[in-house]
């Protein structure tokens, strides 16, 4: 399903995105491909498929919620890229 460049530009404006002409072209093609796929899904005959065709989580076996031993600290830090012997060292994010 082809998407016009005007539609892409309109959606980009609503999302407050600035797209180059090449990006508009690429988005038009990608959105068209996505809409074609959705149209294929929409055309499937699902009348014979049970809408609950999945294993409901309430039917899954449950285990008792009991405390268990945790991973030893040395094992947890063994594959860490950086640690100080007690803790993981990670890059600052803020």
N, C-alpha and C. Protein backbone atom coordinates (compact mmCIF):
# COMPACT_ATOMS: atom_id res chain seq x y z
N UNK A 1 0.85 -1.17 0.00
CA UNK A 1 0.00 0.00 0.00
C UNK A 1 0.90 1.23 0.00
N UNK A 2 0.89 1.96 -1.07
CA UNK A 2 1.77 3.13 -1.15
C UNK A 2 1.33 4.25 -0.20
N UNK A 3 2.31 4.90 0.39
CA UNK A 3 2.09 6.04 1.27
C UNK A 3 2.68 7.26 0.57
N UNK A 4 1.91 8.32 0.52
CA UNK A 4 2.40 9.52 -0.17
C UNK A 4 3.43 10.24 0.70
N UNK A 5 4.28 10.99 0.03
CA UNK A 5 5.27 11.79 0.74
C UNK A 5 4.58 12.83 1.61
N UNK A 6 3.43 13.32 1.15
CA UNK A 6 2.69 14.31 1.94
C UNK A 6 2.21 13.70 3.25
N UNK A 7 1.76 12.44 3.21
CA UNK A 7 1.32 11.77 4.43
C UNK A 7 2.49 11.59 5.40
N UNK A 8 3.63 11.20 4.88
CA UNK A 8 4.81 11.03 5.72
C UNK A 8 5.21 12.37 6.34
N UNK A 9 5.21 13.41 5.54
CA UNK A 9 5.57 14.74 6.05
C UNK A 9 4.57 15.21 7.09
N UNK A 10 3.28 14.90 6.90
CA UNK A 10 2.26 15.29 7.86
C UNK A 10 2.48 14.58 9.21
N UNK A 11 2.74 13.27 9.15
CA UNK A 11 2.98 12.52 10.38
C UNK A 11 4.27 13.00 11.05
N UNK A 12 5.29 13.28 10.26
CA UNK A 12 6.54 13.79 10.81
C UNK A 12 6.32 15.13 11.51
N UNK A 13 5.49 15.98 10.91
CA UNK A 13 5.19 17.27 11.53
C UNK A 13 4.45 17.07 12.85
N UNK A 14 3.49 16.15 12.88
CA UNK A 14 2.76 15.87 14.12
C UNK A 14 3.70 15.35 15.21
N UNK A 15 4.70 14.57 14.80
CA UNK A 15 5.67 14.02 15.75
C UNK A 15 6.82 14.99 16.00
N UNK A 16 6.75 16.15 15.37
CA UNK A 16 7.79 17.18 15.49
C UNK A 16 9.16 16.65 15.08
N UNK A 17 9.15 15.95 13.95
CA UNK A 17 10.39 15.43 13.37
C UNK A 17 10.72 16.20 12.11
N UNK A 18 11.98 16.44 11.90
CA UNK A 18 12.43 17.05 10.66
C UNK A 18 13.12 15.97 9.84
N UNK A 19 12.54 15.66 8.69
CA UNK A 19 13.08 14.61 7.84
C UNK A 19 13.61 15.22 6.55
N UNK A 20 14.74 14.69 6.10
CA UNK A 20 15.26 15.09 4.80
C UNK A 20 14.42 14.42 3.72
N UNK A 21 14.61 14.84 2.48
CA UNK A 21 13.87 14.25 1.36
C UNK A 21 14.16 12.75 1.26
N UNK A 22 15.42 12.36 1.49
CA UNK A 22 15.78 10.94 1.44
C UNK A 22 15.09 10.17 2.56
N UNK A 23 15.00 10.78 3.74
CA UNK A 23 14.33 10.11 4.86
C UNK A 23 12.84 9.98 4.62
N UNK A 24 12.23 11.00 4.00
CA UNK A 24 10.80 10.93 3.66
C UNK A 24 10.57 9.78 2.69
N UNK A 25 11.42 9.66 1.70
CA UNK A 25 11.30 8.57 0.72
C UNK A 25 11.44 7.21 1.41
N UNK A 26 12.45 7.08 2.26
CA UNK A 26 12.67 5.81 2.97
C UNK A 26 11.49 5.48 3.88
N UNK A 27 10.98 6.47 4.61
CA UNK A 27 9.85 6.23 5.51
C UNK A 27 8.60 5.84 4.73
N UNK A 28 8.39 6.47 3.57
CA UNK A 28 7.23 6.14 2.75
C UNK A 28 7.30 4.68 2.31
N UNK A 29 8.48 4.23 1.91
CA UNK A 29 8.64 2.83 1.50
C UNK A 29 8.44 1.88 2.68
N UNK A 30 9.04 2.20 3.82
CA UNK A 30 8.95 1.32 4.99
C UNK A 30 7.52 1.26 5.52
N UNK A 31 6.85 2.41 5.60
CA UNK A 31 5.46 2.41 6.07
C UNK A 31 4.56 1.67 5.10
N UNK A 32 4.82 1.80 3.81
CA UNK A 32 4.05 1.06 2.82
C UNK A 32 4.20 -0.44 3.01
N UNK A 33 5.43 -0.88 3.27
CA UNK A 33 5.69 -2.30 3.52
C UNK A 33 4.95 -2.79 4.76
N UNK A 34 4.98 -1.99 5.81
CA UNK A 34 4.28 -2.35 7.05
C UNK A 34 2.78 -2.45 6.81
N UNK A 35 2.22 -1.49 6.11
CA UNK A 35 0.78 -1.52 5.85
C UNK A 35 0.39 -2.69 4.94
N UNK A 36 1.26 -3.05 4.00
CA UNK A 36 1.01 -4.25 3.18
C UNK A 36 0.95 -5.50 4.05
N UNK A 37 1.86 -5.59 5.01
CA UNK A 37 1.88 -6.74 5.91
C UNK A 37 0.62 -6.77 6.77
N UNK A 38 0.21 -5.62 7.29
CA UNK A 38 -1.01 -5.55 8.10
C UNK A 38 -2.22 -5.94 7.25
N UNK A 39 -2.26 -5.52 6.00
CA UNK A 39 -3.36 -5.89 5.11
C UNK A 39 -3.39 -7.41 4.90
N UNK A 40 -2.21 -8.02 4.77
CA UNK A 40 -2.15 -9.49 4.64
C UNK A 40 -2.71 -10.16 5.89
N UNK A 41 -2.34 -9.65 7.05
CA UNK A 41 -2.87 -10.21 8.30
C UNK A 41 -4.38 -10.03 8.39
N UNK A 42 -4.85 -8.88 7.95
CA UNK A 42 -6.28 -8.58 8.01
C UNK A 42 -7.08 -9.50 7.09
N UNK A 43 -6.46 -9.99 6.02
CA UNK A 43 -7.18 -10.83 5.06
C UNK A 43 -7.23 -12.30 5.47
N UNK A 44 -6.56 -12.67 6.55
CA UNK A 44 -6.55 -14.07 6.98
C UNK A 44 -7.92 -14.49 7.50
N UNK A 45 -8.32 -15.72 7.18
CA UNK A 45 -9.57 -16.27 7.68
C UNK A 45 -9.28 -16.93 9.03
N UNK A 46 -9.69 -16.27 10.10
CA UNK A 46 -9.40 -16.76 11.44
C UNK A 46 -10.65 -17.26 12.16
N UNK A 47 -11.71 -17.52 11.39
CA UNK A 47 -12.96 -17.96 12.00
C UNK A 47 -12.82 -19.29 12.73
N UNK A 48 -11.92 -20.14 12.25
CA UNK A 48 -11.78 -21.46 12.87
C UNK A 48 -10.69 -21.50 13.94
N UNK A 49 -10.04 -20.37 14.18
CA UNK A 49 -8.97 -20.33 15.17
C UNK A 49 -9.55 -19.89 16.51
N UNK A 50 -9.28 -20.68 17.53
CA UNK A 50 -9.74 -20.35 18.88
C UNK A 50 -9.05 -19.05 19.32
N UNK A 51 -9.81 -18.04 19.73
CA UNK A 51 -9.19 -16.78 20.14
C UNK A 51 -8.31 -16.93 21.39
N UNK A 52 -8.50 -18.00 22.12
CA UNK A 52 -7.69 -18.24 23.31
C UNK A 52 -6.66 -19.33 23.06
N UNK A 53 -6.04 -19.28 21.90
CA UNK A 53 -5.08 -20.30 21.50
C UNK A 53 -3.71 -19.99 22.11
N UNK A 54 -3.65 -20.07 23.41
CA UNK A 54 -2.40 -19.91 24.14
C UNK A 54 -2.56 -20.57 25.50
N UNK A 55 -1.47 -20.86 26.11
CA UNK A 55 -1.49 -21.47 27.43
C UNK A 55 -1.65 -20.36 28.45
N UNK A 56 -2.78 -20.33 29.11
CA UNK A 56 -3.04 -19.29 30.11
C UNK A 56 -2.09 -19.48 31.29
N UNK A 57 -1.59 -18.37 31.81
CA UNK A 57 -0.60 -18.44 32.88
C UNK A 57 -1.17 -19.07 34.15
N UNK A 58 -2.48 -18.98 34.37
CA UNK A 58 -3.03 -19.58 35.59
C UNK A 58 -3.01 -21.10 35.54
N UNK A 59 -2.82 -21.68 34.36
CA UNK A 59 -2.76 -23.13 34.23
C UNK A 59 -1.34 -23.68 34.33
N UNK A 60 -0.38 -22.80 34.43
CA UNK A 60 1.01 -23.25 34.51
C UNK A 60 1.32 -23.72 35.92
N UNK A 61 2.17 -24.72 36.05
CA UNK A 61 2.50 -25.19 37.41
C UNK A 61 3.21 -24.10 38.19
N UNK A 62 2.87 -24.00 39.45
CA UNK A 62 3.46 -22.99 40.32
C UNK A 62 4.42 -23.68 41.29
N UNK A 63 5.42 -22.97 41.72
CA UNK A 63 6.31 -23.49 42.75
C UNK A 63 6.08 -22.68 44.01
N UNK A 64 6.43 -23.25 45.12
CA UNK A 64 6.31 -22.54 46.38
C UNK A 64 7.26 -21.35 46.39
N UNK A 65 6.83 -20.27 46.97
CA UNK A 65 7.64 -19.06 47.07
C UNK A 65 8.48 -19.15 48.34
N UNK A 66 9.59 -19.84 48.23
CA UNK A 66 10.46 -20.06 49.37
C UNK A 66 11.82 -19.46 49.09
N UNK A 67 12.47 -18.91 50.11
CA UNK A 67 13.81 -18.35 49.91
C UNK A 67 14.78 -19.43 49.43
N UNK A 68 15.66 -19.04 48.54
CA UNK A 68 16.68 -19.95 48.03
C UNK A 68 18.03 -19.26 48.12
N UNK A 69 19.08 -20.05 48.14
CA UNK A 69 20.42 -19.48 48.16
C UNK A 69 20.64 -18.70 46.87
N UNK A 70 21.31 -17.56 46.99
CA UNK A 70 21.60 -16.76 45.81
C UNK A 70 22.98 -17.12 45.26
N UNK A 71 23.29 -16.55 44.12
CA UNK A 71 24.57 -16.78 43.47
C UNK A 71 25.68 -16.19 44.35
N UNK A 72 26.75 -16.92 44.60
CA UNK A 72 27.85 -16.35 45.39
C UNK A 72 28.40 -15.10 44.70
N UNK A 73 28.80 -14.12 45.50
CA UNK A 73 29.27 -12.84 44.97
C UNK A 73 30.44 -13.04 44.00
N UNK A 74 31.35 -13.92 44.33
CA UNK A 74 32.51 -14.13 43.45
C UNK A 74 32.07 -14.66 42.09
N UNK A 75 31.06 -15.54 42.07
CA UNK A 75 30.55 -16.06 40.79
C UNK A 75 29.85 -14.96 40.00
N UNK A 76 29.11 -14.10 40.70
CA UNK A 76 28.39 -13.02 40.02
C UNK A 76 29.36 -12.04 39.38
N UNK A 77 30.47 -11.77 40.05
CA UNK A 77 31.43 -10.79 39.54
C UNK A 77 32.44 -11.39 38.55
N UNK A 78 32.43 -12.71 38.43
CA UNK A 78 33.44 -13.40 37.61
C UNK A 78 33.48 -12.91 36.17
N UNK A 79 32.33 -12.70 35.54
CA UNK A 79 32.29 -12.28 34.14
C UNK A 79 32.02 -10.79 33.96
N UNK A 80 32.06 -10.04 35.04
CA UNK A 80 31.81 -8.60 34.95
C UNK A 80 32.97 -7.94 34.21
N UNK A 81 32.67 -7.01 33.30
CA UNK A 81 33.76 -6.33 32.60
C UNK A 81 34.60 -5.48 33.54
N UNK A 82 33.98 -4.98 34.63
CA UNK A 82 34.71 -4.14 35.58
C UNK A 82 34.06 -4.27 36.95
N UNK A 83 34.88 -4.50 37.97
CA UNK A 83 34.36 -4.58 39.34
C UNK A 83 35.45 -4.13 40.29
N UNK A 84 35.07 -3.86 41.54
CA UNK A 84 36.05 -3.46 42.53
C UNK A 84 36.26 -4.54 43.59
N UNK A 85 35.86 -5.75 43.28
CA UNK A 85 35.99 -6.85 44.21
C UNK A 85 34.72 -7.14 44.98
N UNK A 86 33.87 -6.12 45.11
CA UNK A 86 32.60 -6.28 45.84
C UNK A 86 31.39 -5.90 44.99
N UNK A 87 31.58 -4.96 44.07
CA UNK A 87 30.46 -4.41 43.30
C UNK A 87 30.81 -4.34 41.82
N UNK A 88 29.75 -4.33 40.98
CA UNK A 88 29.92 -4.06 39.56
C UNK A 88 30.25 -2.59 39.40
N UNK A 89 31.14 -2.27 38.49
CA UNK A 89 31.41 -0.88 38.15
C UNK A 89 30.83 -0.64 36.77
N UNK A 90 29.94 0.35 36.69
CA UNK A 90 29.25 0.66 35.43
C UNK A 90 29.49 2.12 35.08
N UNK A 91 29.37 2.48 33.80
CA UNK A 91 29.55 3.88 33.42
C UNK A 91 28.47 4.76 34.05
N UNK A 92 28.85 5.97 34.38
CA UNK A 92 27.91 6.93 34.92
C UNK A 92 26.91 7.32 33.84
N UNK A 93 25.63 7.40 34.20
CA UNK A 93 24.60 7.74 33.24
C UNK A 93 24.03 9.13 33.46
N UNK A 94 24.22 9.67 34.59
CA UNK A 94 23.67 11.01 34.85
C UNK A 94 24.79 11.98 35.08
